[in-house]
Amino acid sequence: GITAGIVALPLALAFGVSSGLGPSAGLYGAIFISFFAAL
């Protein structure tokens, strides 16, 4: 989980910026989707 989270960090920020909503939107998506989709 820690390794996958580290890999996900730069991608989450980059996808957030690319989407047009900013890096925080990418990070929020990564946090909640990762946790609840796994659960």
PDB file of all heavy atoms in Angstrom:
ATOM      1  N   GLY A   1       0.806  -1.215   0.000  1.00  0.00           N
ATOM      2  CA  GLY A   1       0.000   0.000   0.000  1.00  0.00           C
ATOM      3  C   GLY A   1       0.835   1.259   0.000  1.00  0.00           C
ATOM      4  O   GLY A   1       0.535   2.221  -0.717  1.00  0.00           O
ATOM      5  N   ILE A   2       1.900   1.273   0.820  1.00  0.00           N
ATOM      6  CA  ILE A   2       2.768   2.451   0.882  1.00  0.00           C
ATOM      7  C   ILE A   2       3.459   2.683  -0.456  1.00  0.00           C
ATOM      8  O   ILE A   2       3.514   3.813  -0.964  1.00  0.00           O
ATOM      9  CB  ILE A   2       3.812   2.293   2.012  1.00  0.00           C
ATOM     10  CG1 ILE A   2       3.112   2.376   3.371  1.00  0.00           C
ATOM     11  CG2 ILE A   2       4.906   3.356   1.900  1.00  0.00           C
ATOM     12  CD1 ILE A   2       4.024   2.090   4.549  1.00  0.00           C
ATOM     13  N   THR A   3       3.972   1.601  -1.057  1.00  0.00           N
ATOM     14  CA  THR A   3       4.658   1.738  -2.354  1.00  0.00           C
ATOM     15  C   THR A   3       3.694   2.212  -3.436  1.00  0.00           C
ATOM     16  O   THR A   3       4.017   3.114  -4.224  1.00  0.00           O
ATOM     17  CB  THR A   3       5.270   0.389  -2.771  1.00  0.00           C
ATOM     18  OG1 THR A   3       6.086  -0.114  -1.708  1.00  0.00           O
ATOM     19  CG2 THR A   3       6.123   0.552  -4.012  1.00  0.00           C
ATOM     20  N   ALA A   4       2.509   1.625  -3.472  1.00  0.00           N
ATOM     21  CA  ALA A   4       1.518   2.026  -4.480  1.00  0.00           C
ATOM     22  C   ALA A   4       1.076   3.467  -4.260  1.00  0.00           C
ATOM     23  O   ALA A   4       0.867   4.218  -5.232  1.00  0.00           O
ATOM     24  CB  ALA A   4       0.309   1.091  -4.424  1.00  0.00           C
ATOM     25  N   GLY A   5       0.946   3.888  -2.993  1.00  0.00           N
ATOM     26  CA  GLY A   5       0.572   5.268  -2.701  1.00  0.00           C
ATOM     27  C   GLY A   5       1.628   6.255  -3.152  1.00  0.00           C
ATOM     28  O   GLY A   5       1.306   7.339  -3.673  1.00  0.00           O
ATOM     29  N   ILE A   6       2.895   5.879  -2.969  1.00  0.00           N
ATOM     30  CA  ILE A   6       3.995   6.747  -3.415  1.00  0.00           C
ATOM     31  C   ILE A   6       3.982   6.886  -4.937  1.00  0.00           C
ATOM     32  O   ILE A   6       4.179   7.979  -5.478  1.00  0.00           O
ATOM     33  CB  ILE A   6       5.344   6.187  -2.923  1.00  0.00           C
ATOM     34  CG1 ILE A   6       5.440   6.336  -1.396  1.00  0.00           C
ATOM     35  CG2 ILE A   6       6.510   6.879  -3.600  1.00  0.00           C
ATOM     36  CD1 ILE A   6       6.625   5.630  -0.781  1.00  0.00           C
ATOM     37  N   VAL A   7       3.736   5.768  -5.622  1.00  0.00           N
ATOM     38  CA  VAL A   7       3.653   5.810  -7.093  1.00  0.00           C
ATOM     39  C   VAL A   7       2.468   6.667  -7.530  1.00  0.00           C
ATOM     40  O   VAL A   7       2.536   7.397  -8.526  1.00  0.00           O
ATOM     41  CB  VAL A   7       3.515   4.379  -7.662  1.00  0.00           C
ATOM     42  CG1 VAL A   7       3.231   4.413  -9.159  1.00  0.00           C
ATOM     43  CG2 VAL A   7       4.774   3.575  -7.381  1.00  0.00           C
ATOM     44  N   ALA A   8       1.359   6.594  -6.767  1.00  0.00           N
ATOM     45  CA  ALA A   8       0.136   7.302  -7.154  1.00  0.00           C
ATOM     46  C   ALA A   8       0.246   8.811  -6.962  1.00  0.00           C
ATOM     47  O   ALA A   8      -0.428   9.576  -7.657  1.00  0.00           O
ATOM     48  CB  ALA A   8      -1.040   6.772  -6.335  1.00  0.00           C
ATOM     49  N   LEU A   9       1.104   9.275  -6.024  1.00  0.00           N
ATOM     50  CA  LEU A   9       1.156  10.695  -5.667  1.00  0.00           C
ATOM     51  C   LEU A   9       1.412  11.613  -6.870  1.00  0.00           C
ATOM     52  O   LEU A   9       0.598  12.504  -7.137  1.00  0.00           O
ATOM     53  CB  LEU A   9       2.204  10.926  -4.578  1.00  0.00           C
ATOM     54  CG  LEU A   9       2.471  12.386  -4.212  1.00  0.00           C
ATOM     55  CD1 LEU A   9       1.209  13.024  -3.647  1.00  0.00           C
ATOM     56  CD2 LEU A   9       3.623  12.491  -3.231  1.00  0.00           C
ATOM     57  N   PRO A  10       2.514  11.449  -7.588  1.00  0.00           N
ATOM     58  CA  PRO A  10       2.758  12.379  -8.704  1.00  0.00           C
ATOM     59  C   PRO A  10       1.693  12.280  -9.796  1.00  0.00           C
ATOM     60  O   PRO A  10       1.343  13.291 -10.417  1.00  0.00           O
ATOM     61  CB  PRO A  10       4.136  11.957  -9.226  1.00  0.00           C
ATOM     62  CG  PRO A  10       4.340  10.559  -8.742  1.00  0.00           C
ATOM     63  CD  PRO A  10       3.603  10.466  -7.449  1.00  0.00           C
ATOM     64  N   LEU A  11       1.183  11.081 -10.016  1.00  0.00           N
ATOM     65  CA  LEU A  11       0.158  10.916 -11.048  1.00  0.00           C
ATOM     66  C   LEU A  11      -1.139  11.605 -10.635  1.00  0.00           C
ATOM     67  O   LEU A  11      -1.813  12.234 -11.460  1.00  0.00           O
ATOM     68  CB  LEU A  11      -0.092   9.429 -11.301  1.00  0.00           C
ATOM     69  CG  LEU A  11       1.090   8.654 -11.879  1.00  0.00           C
ATOM     70  CD1 LEU A  11       0.757   7.170 -11.965  1.00  0.00           C
ATOM     71  CD2 LEU A  11       1.454   9.176 -13.259  1.00  0.00           C
ATOM     72  N   ALA A  12      -1.495  11.490  -9.357  1.00  0.00           N
ATOM     73  CA  ALA A  12      -2.717  12.138  -8.873  1.00  0.00           C
ATOM     74  C   ALA A  12      -2.632  13.651  -9.048  1.00  0.00           C
ATOM     75  O   ALA A  12      -3.587  14.296  -9.515  1.00  0.00           O
ATOM     76  CB  ALA A  12      -2.948  11.781  -7.406  1.00  0.00           C
ATOM     77  N   LEU A  13      -1.496  14.224  -8.682  1.00  0.00           N
ATOM     78  CA  LEU A  13      -1.308  15.669  -8.852  1.00  0.00           C
ATOM     79  C   LEU A  13      -1.356  16.063 -10.323  1.00  0.00           C
ATOM     80  O   LEU A  13      -1.998  17.053 -10.696  1.00  0.00           O
ATOM     81  CB  LEU A  13       0.032  16.091  -8.240  1.00  0.00           C
ATOM     82  CG  LEU A  13       0.186  15.916  -6.719  1.00  0.00           C
ATOM     83  CD1 LEU A  13       1.626  16.179  -6.301  1.00  0.00           C
ATOM     84  CD2 LEU A  13      -0.762  16.837  -5.973  1.00  0.00           C
ATOM     85  N   ALA A  14      -0.681  15.269 -11.155  1.00  0.00           N
ATOM     86  CA  ALA A  14      -0.625  15.579 -12.596  1.00  0.00           C
ATOM     87  C   ALA A  14      -1.998  15.462 -13.245  1.00  0.00           C
ATOM     88  O   ALA A  14      -2.401  16.328 -14.041  1.00  0.00           O
ATOM     89  CB  ALA A  14       0.370  14.646 -13.286  1.00  0.00           C
ATOM     90  N   PHE A  15      -2.740  14.416 -12.920  1.00  0.00           N
ATOM     91  CA  PHE A  15      -4.068  14.248 -13.510  1.00  0.00           C
ATOM     92  C   PHE A  15      -5.019  15.352 -13.034  1.00  0.00           C
ATOM     93  O   PHE A  15      -5.886  15.791 -13.789  1.00  0.00           O
ATOM     94  CB  PHE A  15      -4.631  12.872 -13.166  1.00  0.00           C
ATOM     95  CG  PHE A  15      -3.974  11.737 -13.908  1.00  0.00           C
ATOM     96  CD1 PHE A  15      -3.659  10.550 -13.251  1.00  0.00           C
ATOM     97  CD2 PHE A  15      -3.658  11.856 -15.244  1.00  0.00           C
ATOM     98  CE1 PHE A  15      -3.051   9.501 -13.925  1.00  0.00           C
ATOM     99  CE2 PHE A  15      -3.047  10.810 -15.936  1.00  0.00           C
ATOM    100  CZ  PHE A  15      -2.744   9.631 -15.267  1.00  0.00           C
ATOM    101  N   GLY A  16      -4.861  15.781 -11.790  1.00  0.00           N
ATOM    102  CA  GLY A  16      -5.688  16.873 -11.299  1.00  0.00           C
ATOM    103  C   GLY A  16      -5.449  18.154 -12.075  1.00  0.00           C
ATOM    104  O   GLY A  16      -6.395  18.846 -12.475  1.00  0.00           O
ATOM    105  N   VAL A  17      -4.179  18.479 -12.314  1.00  0.00           N
ATOM    106  CA  VAL A  17      -3.838  19.670 -13.089  1.00  0.00           C
ATOM    107  C   VAL A  17      -4.363  19.540 -14.511  1.00  0.00           C
ATOM    108  O   VAL A  17      -4.949  20.476 -15.079  1.00  0.00           O
ATOM    109  CB  VAL A  17      -2.311  19.885 -13.095  1.00  0.00           C
ATOM    110  CG1 VAL A  17      -1.932  20.995 -14.074  1.00  0.00           C
ATOM    111  CG2 VAL A  17      -1.812  20.228 -11.702  1.00  0.00           C
ATOM    112  N   SER A  18      -4.180  18.371 -15.114  1.00  0.00           N
ATOM    113  CA  SER A  18      -4.621  18.144 -16.492  1.00  0.00           C
ATOM    114  C   SER A  18      -6.131  18.272 -16.628  1.00  0.00           C
ATOM    115  O   SER A  18      -6.634  18.756 -17.644  1.00  0.00           O
ATOM    116  CB  SER A  18      -4.172  16.751 -16.952  1.00  0.00           C
ATOM    117  OG  SER A  18      -4.648  16.470 -18.250  1.00  0.00           O
ATOM    118  N   SER A  19      -6.866  17.857 -15.609  1.00  0.00           N
ATOM    119  CA  SER A  19      -8.333  17.882 -15.694  1.00  0.00           C
ATOM    120  C   SER A  19      -8.879  19.295 -15.750  1.00  0.00           C
ATOM    121  O   SER A  19      -9.960  19.533 -16.299  1.00  0.00           O
ATOM    122  CB  SER A  19      -8.936  17.153 -14.487  1.00  0.00           C
ATOM    123  OG  SER A  19      -8.784  17.920 -13.304  1.00  0.00           O
ATOM    124  N   GLY A  20      -8.158  20.249 -15.164  1.00  0.00           N
ATOM    125  CA  GLY A  20      -8.630  21.621 -15.120  1.00  0.00           C
ATOM    126  C   GLY A  20      -9.151  22.040 -13.767  1.00  0.00           C
ATOM    127  O   GLY A  20      -9.476  23.207 -13.555  1.00  0.00           O
ATOM    128  N   LEU A  21      -9.235  21.092 -12.818  1.00  0.00           N
ATOM    129  CA  LEU A  21      -9.727  21.405 -11.475  1.00  0.00           C
ATOM    130  C   LEU A  21      -8.602  21.604 -10.469  1.00  0.00           C
ATOM    131  O   LEU A  21      -8.861  21.913  -9.301  1.00  0.00           O
ATOM    132  CB  LEU A  21     -10.668  20.302 -10.976  1.00  0.00           C
ATOM    133  CG  LEU A  21     -12.004  20.158 -11.708  1.00  0.00           C
ATOM    134  CD1 LEU A  21     -12.869  19.113 -11.032  1.00  0.00           C
ATOM    135  CD2 LEU A  21     -12.738  21.492 -11.772  1.00  0.00           C
ATOM    136  N   GLY A  22      -7.357  21.392 -10.901  1.00  0.00           N
ATOM    137  CA  GLY A  22      -6.235  21.623 -10.012  1.00  0.00           C
ATOM    138  C   GLY A  22      -5.729  20.364  -9.337  1.00  0.00           C
ATOM    139  O   GLY A  22      -6.414  19.342  -9.301  1.00  0.00           O
ATOM    140  N   PRO A  23      -4.501  20.416  -8.786  1.00  0.00           N
ATOM    141  CA  PRO A  23      -3.873  19.228  -8.189  1.00  0.00           C
ATOM    142  C   PRO A  23      -4.646  18.648  -7.013  1.00  0.00           C
ATOM    143  O   PRO A  23      -4.638  17.444  -6.787  1.00  0.00           O
ATOM    144  CB  PRO A  23      -2.499  19.745  -7.736  1.00  0.00           C
ATOM    145  CG  PRO A  23      -2.659  21.238  -7.624  1.00  0.00           C
ATOM    146  CD  PRO A  23      -3.654  21.622  -8.666  1.00  0.00           C
ATOM    147  N   SER A  24      -5.337  19.508  -6.256  1.00  0.00           N
ATOM    148  CA  SER A  24      -6.080  19.005  -5.093  1.00  0.00           C
ATOM    149  C   SER A  24      -7.193  18.057  -5.517  1.00  0.00           C
ATOM    150  O   SER A  24      -7.469  17.061  -4.828  1.00  0.00           O
ATOM    151  CB  SER A  24      -6.660  20.171  -4.298  1.00  0.00           C
ATOM    152  OG  SER A  24      -7.508  20.971  -5.115  1.00  0.00           O
ATOM    153  N   ALA A  25      -7.840  18.313  -6.678  1.00  0.00           N
ATOM    154  CA  ALA A  25      -8.919  17.435  -7.161  1.00  0.00           C
ATOM    155  C   ALA A  25      -8.379  16.049  -7.488  1.00  0.00           C
ATOM    156  O   ALA A  25      -9.034  15.036  -7.220  1.00  0.00           O
ATOM    157  CB  ALA A  25      -9.586  18.042  -8.394  1.00  0.00           C
ATOM    158  N   GLY A  26      -7.181  15.999  -8.055  1.00  0.00           N
ATOM    159  CA  GLY A  26      -6.562  14.706  -8.353  1.00  0.00           C
ATOM    160  C   GLY A  26      -6.206  13.964  -7.085  1.00  0.00           C
ATOM    161  O   GLY A  26      -6.408  12.747  -6.981  1.00  0.00           O
ATOM    162  N   LEU A  27      -5.702  14.706  -6.088  1.00  0.00           N
ATOM    163  CA  LEU A  27      -5.309  14.082  -4.824  1.00  0.00           C
ATOM    164  C   LEU A  27      -6.537  13.595  -4.050  1.00  0.00           C
ATOM    165  O   LEU A  27      -6.542  12.487  -3.501  1.00  0.00           O
ATOM    166  CB  LEU A  27      -4.522  15.092  -3.987  1.00  0.00           C
ATOM    167  CG  LEU A  27      -3.618  14.542  -2.878  1.00  0.00           C
ATOM    168  CD1 LEU A  27      -2.684  13.466  -3.413  1.00  0.00           C
ATOM    169  CD2 LEU A  27      -2.815  15.670  -2.244  1.00  0.00           C
ATOM    170  N   TYR A  28      -7.599  14.402  -4.024  1.00  0.00           N
ATOM    171  CA  TYR A  28      -8.831  13.983  -3.348  1.00  0.00           C
ATOM    172  C   TYR A  28      -9.413  12.730  -3.993  1.00  0.00           C
ATOM    173  O   TYR A  28      -9.858  11.803  -3.307  1.00  0.00           O
ATOM    174  CB  TYR A  28      -9.883  15.100  -3.397  1.00  0.00           C
ATOM    175  CG  TYR A  28      -9.521  16.352  -2.626  1.00  0.00           C
ATOM    176  CD1 TYR A  28     -10.221  17.545  -2.836  1.00  0.00           C
ATOM    177  CD2 TYR A  28      -8.491  16.361  -1.688  1.00  0.00           C
ATOM    178  CE1 TYR A  28      -9.900  18.706  -2.145  1.00  0.00           C
ATOM    179  CE2 TYR A  28      -8.163  17.520  -0.993  1.00  0.00           C
ATOM    180  CZ  TYR A  28      -8.864  18.691  -1.229  1.00  0.00           C
ATOM    181  OH  TYR A  28      -8.552  19.829  -0.552  1.00  0.00           O
ATOM    182  N   GLY A  29      -9.415  12.716  -5.334  1.00  0.00           N
ATOM    183  CA  GLY A  29      -9.918  11.537  -6.038  1.00  0.00           C
ATOM    184  C   GLY A  29      -9.118  10.302  -5.694  1.00  0.00           C
ATOM    185  O   GLY A  29      -9.673   9.227  -5.435  1.00  0.00           O
ATOM    186  N   ALA A  30      -7.790  10.433  -5.667  1.00  0.00           N
ATOM    187  CA  ALA A  30      -6.918   9.295  -5.357  1.00  0.00           C
ATOM    188  C   ALA A  30      -7.160   8.776  -3.939  1.00  0.00           C
ATOM    189  O   ALA A  30      -7.179   7.568  -3.700  1.00  0.00           O
ATOM    190  CB  ALA A  30      -5.456   9.697  -5.536  1.00  0.00           C
ATOM    191  N   ILE A  31      -7.356   9.679  -3.004  1.00  0.00           N
ATOM    192  CA  ILE A  31      -7.555   9.283  -1.598  1.00  0.00           C
ATOM    193  C   ILE A  31      -8.832   8.470  -1.439  1.00  0.00           C
ATOM    194  O   ILE A  31      -8.829   7.345  -0.916  1.00  0.00           O
ATOM    195  CB  ILE A  31      -7.607  10.531  -0.690  1.00  0.00           C
ATOM    196  CG1 ILE A  31      -6.227  11.193  -0.604  1.00  0.00           C
ATOM    197  CG2 ILE A  31      -8.095  10.155   0.718  1.00  0.00           C
ATOM    198  CD1 ILE A  31      -6.239  12.576   0.018  1.00  0.00           C
ATOM    199  N   PHE A  32      -9.950   9.027  -1.877  1.00  0.00           N
ATOM    200  CA  PHE A  32     -11.249   8.407  -1.608  1.00  0.00           C
ATOM    201  C   PHE A  32     -11.515   7.190  -2.494  1.00  0.00           C
ATOM    202  O   PHE A  32     -12.072   6.190  -2.035  1.00  0.00           O
ATOM    203  CB  PHE A  32     -12.362   9.442  -1.754  1.00  0.00           C
ATOM    204  CG  PHE A  32     -12.331  10.486  -0.675  1.00  0.00           C
ATOM    205  CD1 PHE A  32     -11.852  11.761  -0.936  1.00  0.00           C
ATOM    206  CD2 PHE A  32     -12.754  10.192   0.609  1.00  0.00           C
ATOM    207  CE1 PHE A  32     -11.799  12.731   0.060  1.00  0.00           C
ATOM    208  CE2 PHE A  32     -12.712  11.139   1.614  1.00  0.00           C
ATOM    209  CZ  PHE A  32     -12.230  12.418   1.348  1.00  0.00           C
ATOM    210  N   ILE A  33     -11.116   7.266  -3.756  1.00  0.00           N
ATOM    211  CA  ILE A  33     -11.346   6.122  -4.639  1.00  0.00           C
ATOM    212  C   ILE A  33     -10.484   4.943  -4.212  1.00  0.00           C
ATOM    213  O   ILE A  33     -10.940   3.799  -4.167  1.00  0.00           O
ATOM    214  CB  ILE A  33     -11.072   6.501  -6.110  1.00  0.00           C
ATOM    215  CG1 ILE A  33     -12.027   7.598  -6.561  1.00  0.00           C
ATOM    216  CG2 ILE A  33     -11.237   5.281  -7.020  1.00  0.00           C
ATOM    217  CD1 ILE A  33     -11.671   8.220  -7.892  1.00  0.00           C
ATOM    218  N   SER A  34      -9.227   5.209  -3.880  1.00  0.00           N
ATOM    219  CA  SER A  34      -8.326   4.134  -3.462  1.00  0.00           C
ATOM    220  C   SER A  34      -8.874   3.421  -2.225  1.00  0.00           C
ATOM    221  O   SER A  34      -8.919   2.187  -2.165  1.00  0.00           O
ATOM    222  CB  SER A  34      -6.939   4.696  -3.174  1.00  0.00           C
ATOM    223  OG  SER A  34      -6.069   3.673  -2.743  1.00  0.00           O
ATOM    224  N   PHE A  35      -9.326   4.199  -1.228  1.00  0.00           N
ATOM    225  CA  PHE A  35      -9.777   3.605   0.029  1.00  0.00           C
ATOM    226  C   PHE A  35     -11.097   2.849  -0.146  1.00  0.00           C
ATOM    227  O   PHE A  35     -11.210   1.669   0.211  1.00  0.00           O
ATOM    228  CB  PHE A  35      -9.935   4.696   1.096  1.00  0.00           C
ATOM    229  CG  PHE A  35     -10.271   4.168   2.461  1.00  0.00           C
ATOM    230  CD1 PHE A  35      -9.266   3.811   3.344  1.00  0.00           C
ATOM    231  CD2 PHE A  35     -11.591   4.019   2.867  1.00  0.00           C
ATOM    232  CE1 PHE A  35      -9.566   3.312   4.608  1.00  0.00           C
ATOM    233  CE2 PHE A  35     -11.909   3.513   4.118  1.00  0.00           C
ATOM    234  CZ  PHE A  35     -10.891   3.160   4.995  1.00  0.00           C
ATOM    235  N   PHE A  36     -12.104   3.507  -0.707  1.00  0.00           N
ATOM    236  CA  PHE A  36     -13.443   2.911  -0.734  1.00  0.00           C
ATOM    237  C   PHE A  36     -13.608   1.855  -1.836  1.00  0.00           C
ATOM    238  O   PHE A  36     -14.354   0.891  -1.641  1.00  0.00           O
ATOM    239  CB  PHE A  36     -14.493   4.010  -0.874  1.00  0.00           C
ATOM    240  CG  PHE A  36     -14.666   4.812   0.377  1.00  0.00           C
ATOM    241  CD1 PHE A  36     -14.092   6.077   0.490  1.00  0.00           C
ATOM    242  CD2 PHE A  36     -15.365   4.303   1.456  1.00  0.00           C
ATOM    243  CE1 PHE A  36     -14.228   6.814   1.649  1.00  0.00           C
ATOM    244  CE2 PHE A  36     -15.512   5.039   2.632  1.00  0.00           C
ATOM    245  CZ  PHE A  36     -14.938   6.297   2.725  1.00  0.00           C
ATOM    246  N   ALA A  37     -12.913   2.017  -2.951  1.00  0.00           N
ATOM    247  CA  ALA A  37     -12.973   0.978  -3.981  1.00  0.00           C
ATOM    248  C   ALA A  37     -12.319  -0.299  -3.481  1.00  0.00           C
ATOM    249  O   ALA A  37     -12.761  -1.410  -3.802  1.00  0.00           O
ATOM    250  CB  ALA A  37     -12.298   1.456  -5.275  1.00  0.00           C
ATOM    251  N   ALA A  38     -11.252  -0.155  -2.685  1.00  0.00           N
ATOM    252  CA  ALA A  38     -10.608  -1.333  -2.089  1.00  0.00           C
ATOM    253  C   ALA A  38     -11.513  -1.976  -1.048  1.00  0.00           C
ATOM    254  O   ALA A  38     -11.665  -3.201  -1.000  1.00  0.00           O
ATOM    255  CB  ALA A  38      -9.269  -0.935  -1.471  1.00  0.00           C
ATOM    256  N   LEU A  39     -12.137  -1.155  -0.214  1.00  0.00           N
ATOM    257  CA  LEU A  39     -12.974  -1.655   0.875  1.00  0.00           C
ATOM    258  C   LEU A  39     -14.207  -2.414   0.355  1.00  0.00           C
ATOM    259  O   LEU A  39     -14.538  -3.491   0.854  1.00  0.00           O
ATOM    260  CB  LEU A  39     -13.415  -0.494   1.769  1.00  0.00           C
ATOM    261  CG  LEU A  39     -14.326  -0.832   2.957  1.00  0.00           C
ATOM    262  CD1 LEU A  39     -13.629  -1.804   3.910  1.00  0.00           C
ATOM    263  CD2 LEU A  39     -14.751   0.435   3.687  1.00  0.00           C
TER     264      LEU A  39
END
